[in-house]
Amino acid sequence: MSGSSIVYFYHSRKYPILILNNYEYKIETRKADKSFWCCKAKDRYRCKARLLSWGKTLSVKTSANHNHPPDFNGSFEKCTPQLLNVEYLETFPKYRDTSHLN
């Protein structure tokens, strides 16, 4: 399943925060032109939710759902909206095997 969706971004003190479905994600790892995102509540709730972004594409890992309610309570007025192609994958490719994503 895939399609276009509006994703919101805002900057925290140091790094960008991505908002999808009222859940906040922070960058976990950057590799070349790809960013791997983890749930901002990863440490607090041991949440396993993950995203992978490159270009105008955002992949949502469907095998790792949130184990807590949505955590974004801010105002979308202060966020930057971006239309991305969102796809849902059971697993992400390994870091070394992402060449097919270009």
PDB file of N, CA and C in Angstrom:
ATOM      1  N   MET A   1       0.844  -1.179   0.000  1.00  0.00           N
ATOM      2  CA  MET A   1       0.000   0.000   0.000  1.00  0.00           C
ATOM      3  C   MET A   1       0.888   1.240   0.000  1.00  0.00           C
ATOM      4  N   SER A   2       0.568   2.183  -0.857  1.00  0.00           N
ATOM      5  CA  SER A   2       1.331   3.424  -0.901  1.00  0.00           C
ATOM      6  C   SER A   2       0.445   4.537  -1.446  1.00  0.00           C
ATOM      7  N   GLY A   3       0.895   5.741  -1.269  1.00  0.00           N
ATOM      8  CA  GLY A   3       0.168   6.912  -1.748  1.00  0.00           C
ATOM      9  C   GLY A   3       0.798   8.170  -1.203  1.00  0.00           C
ATOM     10  N   SER A   4       0.310   9.301  -1.641  1.00  0.00           N
ATOM     11  CA  SER A   4       0.838  10.584  -1.175  1.00  0.00           C
ATOM     12  C   SER A   4       0.187  10.976   0.141  1.00  0.00           C
ATOM     13  N   SER A   5       0.966  11.603   0.990  1.00  0.00           N
ATOM     14  CA  SER A   5       0.465  12.055   2.281  1.00  0.00           C
ATOM     15  C   SER A   5       1.235  13.295   2.709  1.00  0.00           C
ATOM     16  N   ILE A   6       0.571  14.155   3.460  1.00  0.00           N
ATOM     17  CA  ILE A   6       1.251  15.336   3.995  1.00  0.00           C
ATOM     18  C   ILE A   6       1.932  14.950   5.298  1.00  0.00           C
ATOM     19  N   VAL A   7       3.214  15.252   5.352  1.00  0.00           N
ATOM     20  CA  VAL A   7       4.041  15.000   6.528  1.00  0.00           C
ATOM     21  C   VAL A   7       4.514  16.365   7.010  1.00  0.00           C
ATOM     22  N   TYR A   8       4.605  16.541   8.304  1.00  0.00           N
ATOM     23  CA  TYR A   8       5.007  17.836   8.869  1.00  0.00           C
ATOM     24  C   TYR A   8       6.394  17.732   9.485  1.00  0.00           C
ATOM     25  N   PHE A   9       7.135  18.838   9.426  1.00  0.00           N
ATOM     26  CA  PHE A   9       8.464  18.919  10.011  1.00  0.00           C
ATOM     27  C   PHE A   9       8.557  20.173  10.874  1.00  0.00           C
ATOM     28  N   TYR A  10       9.309  20.081  11.936  1.00  0.00           N
ATOM     29  CA  TYR A  10       9.713  21.261  12.692  1.00  0.00           C
ATOM     30  C   TYR A  10      11.087  20.990  13.263  1.00  0.00           C
ATOM     31  N   HIS A  11      11.780  22.053  13.641  1.00  0.00           N
ATOM     32  CA  HIS A  11      13.126  21.895  14.188  1.00  0.00           C
ATOM     33  C   HIS A  11      13.081  21.982  15.695  1.00  0.00           C
ATOM     34  N   SER A  12      13.664  20.986  16.337  1.00  0.00           N
ATOM     35  CA  SER A  12      13.859  21.059  17.783  1.00  0.00           C
ATOM     36  C   SER A  12      15.161  21.823  17.985  1.00  0.00           C
ATOM     37  N   ARG A  13      15.768  21.698  19.119  1.00  0.00           N
ATOM     38  CA  ARG A  13      16.994  22.459  19.385  1.00  0.00           C
ATOM     39  C   ARG A  13      18.089  22.180  18.366  1.00  0.00           C
ATOM     40  N   LYS A  14      18.256  20.895  18.019  1.00  0.00           N
ATOM     41  CA  LYS A  14      19.381  20.523  17.179  1.00  0.00           C
ATOM     42  C   LYS A  14      18.975  19.873  15.861  1.00  0.00           C
ATOM     43  N   TYR A  15      17.968  19.032  15.887  1.00  0.00           N
ATOM     44  CA  TYR A  15      17.622  18.207  14.732  1.00  0.00           C
ATOM     45  C   TYR A  15      16.162  18.383  14.328  1.00  0.00           C
ATOM     46  N   PRO A  16      15.855  18.052  13.071  1.00  0.00           N
ATOM     47  CA  PRO A  16      14.454  18.128  12.645  1.00  0.00           C
ATOM     48  C   PRO A  16      13.618  17.020  13.281  1.00  0.00           C
ATOM     49  N   ILE A  17      12.346  17.294  13.451  1.00  0.00           N
ATOM     50  CA  ILE A  17      11.366  16.330  13.947  1.00  0.00           C
ATOM     51  C   ILE A  17      10.337  16.141  12.838  1.00  0.00           C
ATOM     52  N   LEU A  18      10.007  14.912  12.548  1.00  0.00           N
ATOM     53  CA  LEU A  18       9.017  14.586  11.536  1.00  0.00           C
ATOM     54  C   LEU A  18       7.738  14.159  12.238  1.00  0.00           C
ATOM     55  N   ILE A  19       6.599  14.618  11.746  1.00  0.00           N
ATOM     56  CA  ILE A  19       5.310  14.253  12.346  1.00  0.00           C
ATOM     57  C   ILE A  19       4.474  13.531  11.299  1.00  0.00           C
ATOM     58  N   LEU A  20       4.055  12.330  11.636  1.00  0.00           N
ATOM     59  CA  LEU A  20       3.191  11.528  10.771  1.00  0.00           C
ATOM     60  C   LEU A  20       2.102  10.922  11.643  1.00  0.00           C
ATOM     61  N   ASN A  21       0.862  11.196  11.312  1.00  0.00           N
ATOM     62  CA  ASN A  21      -0.290  10.682  12.082  1.00  0.00           C
ATOM     63  C   ASN A  21      -0.212  11.049  13.564  1.00  0.00           C
ATOM     64  N   ASN A  22       0.252  12.263  13.848  1.00  0.00           N
ATOM     65  CA  ASN A  22       0.384  12.794  15.216  1.00  0.00           C
ATOM     66  C   ASN A  22       1.423  12.080  16.070  1.00  0.00           C
ATOM     67  N   TYR A  23       2.323  11.334  15.445  1.00  0.00           N
ATOM     68  CA  TYR A  23       3.461  10.741  16.139  1.00  0.00           C
ATOM     69  C   TYR A  23       4.713  11.488  15.697  1.00  0.00           C
ATOM     70  N   GLU A  24       5.621  11.737  16.637  1.00  0.00           N
ATOM     71  CA  GLU A  24       6.857  12.449  16.348  1.00  0.00           C
ATOM     72  C   GLU A  24       8.009  11.462  16.183  1.00  0.00           C
ATOM     73  N   TYR A  25       8.863  11.751  15.203  1.00  0.00           N
ATOM     74  CA  TYR A  25      10.034  10.922  14.919  1.00  0.00           C
ATOM     75  C   TYR A  25      11.271  11.794  14.899  1.00  0.00           C
ATOM     76  N   LYS A  26      12.387  11.244  15.376  1.00  0.00           N
ATOM     77  CA  LYS A  26      13.667  11.933  15.316  1.00  0.00           C
ATOM     78  C   LYS A  26      14.633  11.100  14.476  1.00  0.00           C
ATOM     79  N   ILE A  27      15.646  11.757  13.919  1.00  0.00           N
ATOM     80  CA  ILE A  27      16.615  11.032  13.094  1.00  0.00           C
ATOM     81  C   ILE A  27      17.444  10.119  13.979  1.00  0.00           C
ATOM     82  N   GLU A  28      17.501   8.862  13.554  1.00  0.00           N
ATOM     83  CA  GLU A  28      18.299   7.874  14.275  1.00  0.00           C
ATOM     84  C   GLU A  28      19.654   7.685  13.587  1.00  0.00           C
ATOM     85  N   THR A  29      19.636   7.594  12.246  1.00  0.00           N
ATOM     86  CA  THR A  29      20.852   7.373  11.467  1.00  0.00           C
ATOM     87  C   THR A  29      20.709   8.022  10.108  1.00  0.00           C
ATOM     88  N   ARG A  30      21.798   8.556   9.597  1.00  0.00           N
ATOM     89  CA  ARG A  30      21.835   9.053   8.220  1.00  0.00           C
ATOM     90  C   ARG A  30      22.869   8.247   7.461  1.00  0.00           C
ATOM     91  N   LYS A  31      22.508   7.843   6.265  1.00  0.00           N
ATOM     92  CA  LYS A  31      23.403   7.061   5.419  1.00  0.00           C
ATOM     93  C   LYS A  31      23.248   7.573   3.997  1.00  0.00           C
ATOM     94  N   ALA A  32      24.260   8.243   3.481  1.00  0.00           N
ATOM     95  CA  ALA A  32      24.224   8.858   2.144  1.00  0.00           C
ATOM     96  C   ALA A  32      23.024   9.805   2.068  1.00  0.00           C
ATOM     97  N   ASP A  33      22.097   9.552   1.160  1.00  0.00           N
ATOM     98  CA  ASP A  33      20.931  10.430   1.004  1.00  0.00           C
ATOM     99  C   ASP A  33      19.696   9.887   1.707  1.00  0.00           C
ATOM    100  N   LYS A  34      19.866   8.895   2.567  1.00  0.00           N
ATOM    101  CA  LYS A  34      18.739   8.279   3.277  1.00  0.00           C
ATOM    102  C   LYS A  34      18.807   8.606   4.768  1.00  0.00           C
ATOM    103  N   SER A  35      17.633   8.786   5.363  1.00  0.00           N
ATOM    104  CA  SER A  35      17.555   9.019   6.812  1.00  0.00           C
ATOM    105  C   SER A  35      16.670   7.967   7.434  1.00  0.00           C
ATOM    106  N   PHE A  36      17.148   7.368   8.504  1.00  0.00           N
ATOM    107  CA  PHE A  36      16.369   6.407   9.271  1.00  0.00           C
ATOM    108  C   PHE A  36      15.874   7.132  10.513  1.00  0.00           C
ATOM    109  N   TRP A  37      14.557   7.088  10.726  1.00  0.00           N
ATOM    110  CA  TRP A  37      13.906   7.808  11.820  1.00  0.00           C
ATOM    111  C   TRP A  37      13.367   6.815  12.835  1.00  0.00           C
ATOM    112  N   CYS A  38      13.435   7.171  14.109  1.00  0.00           N
ATOM    113  CA  CYS A  38      12.824   6.365  15.166  1.00  0.00           C
ATOM    114  C   CYS A  38      11.795   7.226  15.893  1.00  0.00           C
ATOM    115  N   CYS A  39      10.868   6.578  16.544  1.00  0.00           N
ATOM    116  CA  CYS A  39       9.859   7.288  17.322  1.00  0.00           C
ATOM    117  C   CYS A  39      10.567   8.118  18.398  1.00  0.00           C
ATOM    118  N   LYS A  40      10.112   9.328  18.584  1.00  0.00           N
ATOM    119  CA  LYS A  40      10.711  10.202  19.594  1.00  0.00           C
ATOM    120  C   LYS A  40      10.533   9.623  20.999  1.00  0.00           C
ATOM    121  N   ALA A  41       9.529   8.758  21.178  1.00  0.00           N
ATOM    122  CA  ALA A  41       9.277   8.130  22.476  1.00  0.00           C
ATOM    123  C   ALA A  41       9.969   6.764  22.590  1.00  0.00           C
ATOM    124  N   LYS A  42      10.981   6.553  21.767  1.00  0.00           N
ATOM    125  CA  LYS A  42      11.706   5.273  21.757  1.00  0.00           C
ATOM    126  C   LYS A  42      12.232   4.889  23.146  1.00  0.00           C
ATOM    127  N   ASP A  43      12.876   5.804  23.802  1.00  0.00           N
ATOM    128  CA  ASP A  43      13.458   5.497  25.113  1.00  0.00           C
ATOM    129  C   ASP A  43      12.402   5.436  26.215  1.00  0.00           C
ATOM    130  N   ARG A  44      11.456   6.332  26.156  1.00  0.00           N
ATOM    131  CA  ARG A  44      10.433   6.408  27.212  1.00  0.00           C
ATOM    132  C   ARG A  44       9.523   5.183  27.249  1.00  0.00           C
ATOM    133  N   TYR A  45       9.073   4.733  26.055  1.00  0.00           N
ATOM    134  CA  TYR A  45       8.129   3.605  25.978  1.00  0.00           C
ATOM    135  C   TYR A  45       8.723   2.351  25.327  1.00  0.00           C
ATOM    136  N   ARG A  46       9.999   2.419  24.985  1.00  0.00           N
ATOM    137  CA  ARG A  46      10.640   1.335  24.240  1.00  0.00           C
ATOM    138  C   ARG A  46       9.893   1.074  22.922  1.00  0.00           C
ATOM    139  N   CYS A  47       9.458   2.150  22.306  1.00  0.00           N
ATOM    140  CA  CYS A  47       8.686   2.091  21.066  1.00  0.00           C
ATOM    141  C   CYS A  47       9.591   1.674  19.906  1.00  0.00           C
ATOM    142  N   LYS A  48       9.100   0.796  19.076  1.00  0.00           N
ATOM    143  CA  LYS A  48       9.879   0.239  17.966  1.00  0.00           C
ATOM    144  C   LYS A  48       9.526   0.853  16.611  1.00  0.00           C
ATOM    145  N   ALA A  49       8.630   1.829  16.560  1.00  0.00           N
ATOM    146  CA  ALA A  49       8.188   2.414  15.288  1.00  0.00           C
ATOM    147  C   ALA A  49       9.365   3.080  14.568  1.00  0.00           C
ATOM    148  N   ARG A  50       9.467   2.843  13.247  1.00  0.00           N
ATOM    149  CA  ARG A  50      10.571   3.358  12.445  1.00  0.00           C
ATOM    150  C   ARG A  50      10.080   3.839  11.088  1.00  0.00           C
ATOM    151  N   LEU A  51      10.832   4.799  10.518  1.00  0.00           N
ATOM    152  CA  LEU A  51      10.598   5.312   9.177  1.00  0.00           C
ATOM    153  C   LEU A  51      11.926   5.375   8.441  1.00  0.00           C
ATOM    154  N   LEU A  52      11.851   5.340   7.127  1.00  0.00           N
ATOM    155  CA  LEU A  52      13.017   5.525   6.268  1.00  0.00           C
ATOM    156  C   LEU A  52      12.634   6.564   5.225  1.00  0.00           C
ATOM    157  N   SER A  53      13.456   7.605   5.062  1.00  0.00           N
ATOM    158  CA  SER A  53      13.143   8.631   4.059  1.00  0.00           C
ATOM    159  C   SER A  53      14.325   8.832   3.127  1.00  0.00           C
ATOM    160  N   TRP A  54      14.004   9.107   1.870  1.00  0.00           N
ATOM    161  CA  TRP A  54      14.974   9.498   0.861  1.00  0.00           C
ATOM    162  C   TRP A  54      14.216  10.218  -0.229  1.00  0.00           C
ATOM    163  N   GLY A  55      14.758  11.324  -0.681  1.00  0.00           N
ATOM    164  CA  GLY A  55      14.079  12.116  -1.699  1.00  0.00           C
ATOM    165  C   GLY A  55      12.691  12.515  -1.235  1.00  0.00           C
ATOM    166  N   LYS A  56      11.714  12.236  -2.051  1.00  0.00           N
ATOM    167  CA  LYS A  56      10.313  12.542  -1.732  1.00  0.00           C
ATOM    168  C   LYS A  56       9.556  11.283  -1.311  1.00  0.00           C
ATOM    169  N   THR A  57      10.269  10.272  -0.811  1.00  0.00           N
ATOM    170  CA  THR A  57       9.644   9.010  -0.413  1.00  0.00           C
ATOM    171  C   THR A  57       9.861   8.763   1.072  1.00  0.00           C
ATOM    172  N   LEU A  58       8.820   8.282   1.714  1.00  0.00           N
ATOM    173  CA  LEU A  58       8.862   7.922   3.128  1.00  0.00           C
ATOM    174  C   LEU A  58       8.332   6.503   3.265  1.00  0.00           C
ATOM    175  N   SER A  59       9.142   5.615   3.833  1.00  0.00           N
ATOM    176  CA  SER A  59       8.722   4.236   4.060  1.00  0.00           C
ATOM    177  C   SER A  59       8.398   4.048   5.536  1.00  0.00           C
ATOM    178  N   VAL A  60       7.253   3.430   5.801  1.00  0.00           N
ATOM    179  CA  VAL A  60       6.808   3.160   7.165  1.00  0.00           C
ATOM    180  C   VAL A  60       6.976   1.671   7.414  1.00  0.00           C
ATOM    181  N   LYS A  61       7.671   1.326   8.472  1.00  0.00           N
ATOM    182  CA  LYS A  61       7.876  -0.085   8.815  1.00  0.00           C
ATOM    183  C   LYS A  61       6.634  -0.599   9.531  1.00  0.00           C
ATOM    184  N   THR A  62       5.879  -1.465   8.866  1.00  0.00           N
ATOM    185  CA  THR A  62       4.605  -1.930   9.413  1.00  0.00           C
ATOM    186  C   THR A  62       4.764  -3.006  10.474  1.00  0.00           C
ATOM    187  N   SER A  63       5.934  -3.624  10.554  1.00  0.00           N
ATOM    188  CA  SER A  63       6.132  -4.672  11.555  1.00  0.00           C
ATOM    189  C   SER A  63       6.486  -4.096  12.928  1.00  0.00           C
ATOM    190  N   ALA A  64       6.622  -2.789  13.014  1.00  0.00           N
ATOM    191  CA  ALA A  64       6.984  -2.139  14.280  1.00  0.00           C
ATOM    192  C   ALA A  64       6.006  -0.998  14.551  1.00  0.00           C
ATOM    193  N   ASN A  65       4.934  -1.287  15.222  1.00  0.00           N
ATOM    194  CA  ASN A  65       3.913  -0.280  15.517  1.00  0.00           C
ATOM    195  C   ASN A  65       4.208   0.438  16.831  1.00  0.00           C
ATOM    196  N   HIS A  66       3.562   1.588  17.005  1.00  0.00           N
ATOM    197  CA  HIS A  66       3.685   2.325  18.263  1.00  0.00           C
ATOM    198  C   HIS A  66       2.995   1.554  19.379  1.00  0.00           C
ATOM    199  N   ASN A  67       3.546   1.643  20.571  1.00  0.00           N
ATOM    200  CA  ASN A  67       2.947   1.004  21.744  1.00  0.00           C
ATOM    201  C   ASN A  67       2.465   2.045  22.756  1.00  0.00           C
ATOM    202  N   HIS A  68       2.123   3.236  22.246  1.00  0.00           N
ATOM    203  CA  HIS A  68       1.681   4.347  23.096  1.00  0.00           C
ATOM    204  C   HIS A  68       0.770   5.242  22.260  1.00  0.00           C
ATOM    205  N   PRO A  69      -0.002   6.112  22.910  1.00  0.00           N
ATOM    206  CA  PRO A  69      -0.879   7.020  22.150  1.00  0.00           C
ATOM    207  C   PRO A  69      -0.056   8.077  21.399  1.00  0.00           C
ATOM    208  N   PRO A  70      -0.654   8.740  20.392  1.00  0.00           N
ATOM    209  CA  PRO A  70       0.049   9.806  19.679  1.00  0.00           C
ATOM    210  C   PRO A  70       0.573  10.859  20.652  1.00  0.00           C
ATOM    211  N   ASP A  71       1.760  11.406  20.344  1.00  0.00           N
ATOM    212  CA  ASP A  71       2.424  12.290  21.308  1.00  0.00           C
ATOM    213  C   ASP A  71       2.587  13.737  20.844  1.00  0.00           C
ATOM    214  N   PHE A  72       2.102  14.084  19.665  1.00  0.00           N
ATOM    215  CA  PHE A  72       2.253  15.466  19.215  1.00  0.00           C
ATOM    216  C   PHE A  72       1.118  16.317  19.762  1.00  0.00           C
ATOM    217  N   ASN A  73       1.457  17.315  20.606  1.00  0.00           N
ATOM    218  CA  ASN A  73       0.437  18.210  21.174  1.00  0.00           C
ATOM    219  C   ASN A  73       0.637  19.642  20.718  1.00  0.00           C
ATOM    220  N   GLY A  74       1.585  19.862  19.813  1.00  0.00           N
ATOM    221  CA  GLY A  74       1.881  21.222  19.383  1.00  0.00           C
ATOM    222  C   GLY A  74       0.911  21.735  18.339  1.00  0.00           C
ATOM    223  N   SER A  75       1.275  22.826  17.740  1.00  0.00           N
ATOM    224  CA  SER A  75       0.461  23.467  16.710  1.00  0.00           C
ATOM    225  C   SER A  75       1.081  23.200  15.343  1.00  0.00           C
ATOM    226  N   PHE A  76       0.266  22.767  14.411  1.00  0.00           N
ATOM    227  CA  PHE A  76       0.756  22.535  13.057  1.00  0.00           C
ATOM    228  C   PHE A  76       1.093  23.847  12.348  1.00  0.00           C
ATOM    229  N   GLU A  77       0.647  24.966  12.891  1.00  0.00           N
ATOM    230  CA  GLU A  77       0.944  26.264  12.295  1.00  0.00           C
ATOM    231  C   GLU A  77       2.445  26.553  12.296  1.00  0.00           C
ATOM    232  N   LYS A  78       3.166  26.006  13.249  1.00  0.00           N
ATOM    233  CA  LYS A  78       4.609  26.231  13.350  1.00  0.00           C
ATOM    234  C   LYS A  78       5.413  25.172  12.591  1.00  0.00           C
ATOM    235  N   CYS A  79       4.725  24.252  11.926  1.00  0.00           N
ATOM    236  CA  CYS A  79       5.371  23.160  11.210  1.00  0.00           C
ATOM    237  C   CYS A  79       5.401  23.437   9.703  1.00  0.00           C
ATOM    238  N   THR A  80       6.333  22.814   9.041  1.00  0.00           N
ATOM    239  CA  THR A  80       6.434  22.918   7.591  1.00  0.00           C
ATOM    240  C   THR A  80       5.825  21.671   6.963  1.00  0.00           C
ATOM    241  N   PRO A  81       4.744  21.818   6.186  1.00  0.00           N
ATOM    242  CA  PRO A  81       4.144  20.642   5.547  1.00  0.00           C
ATOM    243  C   PRO A  81       4.915  20.256   4.293  1.00  0.00           C
ATOM    244  N   GLN A  82       4.940  18.961   4.006  1.00  0.00           N
ATOM    245  CA  GLN A  82       5.588  18.470   2.799  1.00  0.00           C
ATOM    246  C   GLN A  82       4.802  17.272   2.281  1.00  0.00           C
ATOM    247  N   LEU A  83       4.519  17.265   0.989  1.00  0.00           N
ATOM    248  CA  LEU A  83       3.802  16.161   0.374  1.00  0.00           C
ATOM    249  C   LEU A  83       4.816  15.109  -0.040  1.00  0.00           C
ATOM    250  N   LEU A  84       4.710  13.913   0.539  1.00  0.00           N
ATOM    251  CA  LEU A  84       5.638  12.827   0.248  1.00  0.00           C
ATOM    252  C   LEU A  84       4.884  11.600  -0.227  1.00  0.00           C
ATOM    253  N   ASN A  85       5.570  10.781  -0.992  1.00  0.00           N
ATOM    254  CA  ASN A  85       5.040   9.481  -1.360  1.00  0.00           C
ATOM    255  C   ASN A  85       5.299   8.548  -0.168  1.00  0.00           C
ATOM    256  N   VAL A  86       4.246   8.035   0.436  1.00  0.00           N
ATOM    257  CA  VAL A  86       4.381   7.179   1.619  1.00  0.00           C
ATOM    258  C   VAL A  86       4.087   5.750   1.218  1.00  0.00           C
ATOM    259  N   GLU A  87       5.012   4.844   1.555  1.00  0.00           N
ATOM    260  CA  GLU A  87       4.816   3.425   1.291  1.00  0.00           C
ATOM    261  C   GLU A  87       4.962   2.651   2.592  1.00  0.00           C
ATOM    262  N   TYR A  88       4.314   1.530   2.656  1.00  0.00           N
ATOM    263  CA  TYR A  88       4.317   0.705   3.866  1.00  0.00           C
ATOM    264  C   TYR A  88       5.035  -0.604   3.564  1.00  0.00           C
ATOM    265  N   LEU A  89       6.095  -0.884   4.340  1.00  0.00           N
ATOM    266  CA  LEU A  89       6.916  -2.081   4.142  1.00  0.00           C
ATOM    267  C   LEU A  89       6.951  -2.905   5.419  1.00  0.00           C
ATOM    268  N   GLU A  90       7.010  -4.205   5.271  1.00  0.00           N
ATOM    269  CA  GLU A  90       7.132  -5.096   6.425  1.00  0.00           C
ATOM    270  C   GLU A  90       8.498  -4.914   7.094  1.00  0.00           C
ATOM    271  N   THR A  91       9.546  -4.815   6.279  1.00  0.00           N
ATOM    272  CA  THR A  91      10.904  -4.596   6.796  1.00  0.00           C
ATOM    273  C   THR A  91      11.632  -3.636   5.872  1.00  0.00           C
ATOM    274  N   PHE A  92      12.675  -3.016   6.388  1.00  0.00           N
ATOM    275  CA  PHE A  92      13.521  -2.146   5.580  1.00  0.00           C
ATOM    276  C   PHE A  92      14.681  -2.959   5.041  1.00  0.00           C
ATOM    277  N   PRO A  93      15.239  -2.543   3.907  1.00  0.00           N
ATOM    278  CA  PRO A  93      16.461  -3.194   3.427  1.00  0.00           C
ATOM    279  C   PRO A  93      17.604  -2.913   4.402  1.00  0.00           C
ATOM    280  N   LYS A  94      18.602  -3.760   4.407  1.00  0.00           N
ATOM    281  CA  LYS A  94      19.779  -3.535   5.246  1.00  0.00           C
ATOM    282  C   LYS A  94      20.482  -2.264   4.792  1.00  0.00           C
ATOM    283  N   TYR A  95      21.221  -1.628   5.701  1.00  0.00           N
ATOM    284  CA  TYR A  95      21.925  -0.388   5.376  1.00  0.00           C
ATOM    285  C   TYR A  95      22.753  -0.526   4.098  1.00  0.00           C
ATOM    286  N   ARG A  96      23.444  -1.631   3.954  1.00  0.00           N
ATOM    287  CA  ARG A  96      24.336  -1.797   2.812  1.00  0.00           C
ATOM    288  C   ARG A  96      23.585  -2.166   1.533  1.00  0.00           C
ATOM    289  N   ASP A  97      22.300  -2.470   1.644  1.00  0.00           N
ATOM    290  CA  ASP A  97      21.534  -2.936   0.483  1.00  0.00           C
ATOM    291  C   ASP A  97      20.355  -1.995   0.198  1.00  0.00           C
ATOM    292  N   THR A  98      20.640  -0.702   0.065  1.00  0.00           N
ATOM    293  CA  THR A  98      19.569   0.249  -0.224  1.00  0.00           C
ATOM    294  C   THR A  98      19.718   0.848  -1.613  1.00  0.00           C
ATOM    295  N   SER A  99      20.577   0.269  -2.444  1.00  0.00           N
ATOM    296  CA  SER A  99      20.813   0.830  -3.778  1.00  0.00           C
ATOM    297  C   SER A  99      19.571   0.796  -4.651  1.00  0.00           C
ATOM    298  N   HIS A 100      18.690  -0.174  -4.442  1.00  0.00           N
ATOM    299  CA  HIS A 100      17.470  -0.272  -5.261  1.00  0.00           C
ATOM    300  C   HIS A 100      16.471   0.836  -4.934  1.00  0.00           C
ATOM    301  N   LEU A 101      16.699   1.600  -3.861  1.00  0.00           N
ATOM    302  CA  LEU A 101      15.787   2.657  -3.477  1.00  0.00           C
ATOM    303  C   LEU A 101      16.014   3.943  -4.253  1.00  0.00           C
ATOM    304  N   ASN A 102      17.115   4.052  -4.964  1.00  0.00           N
ATOM    305  CA  ASN A 102      17.417   5.286  -5.719  1.00  0.00           C
ATOM    306  C   ASN A 102      16.601   5.394  -6.975  1.00  0.00           C
TER     307      ASN A 102
END
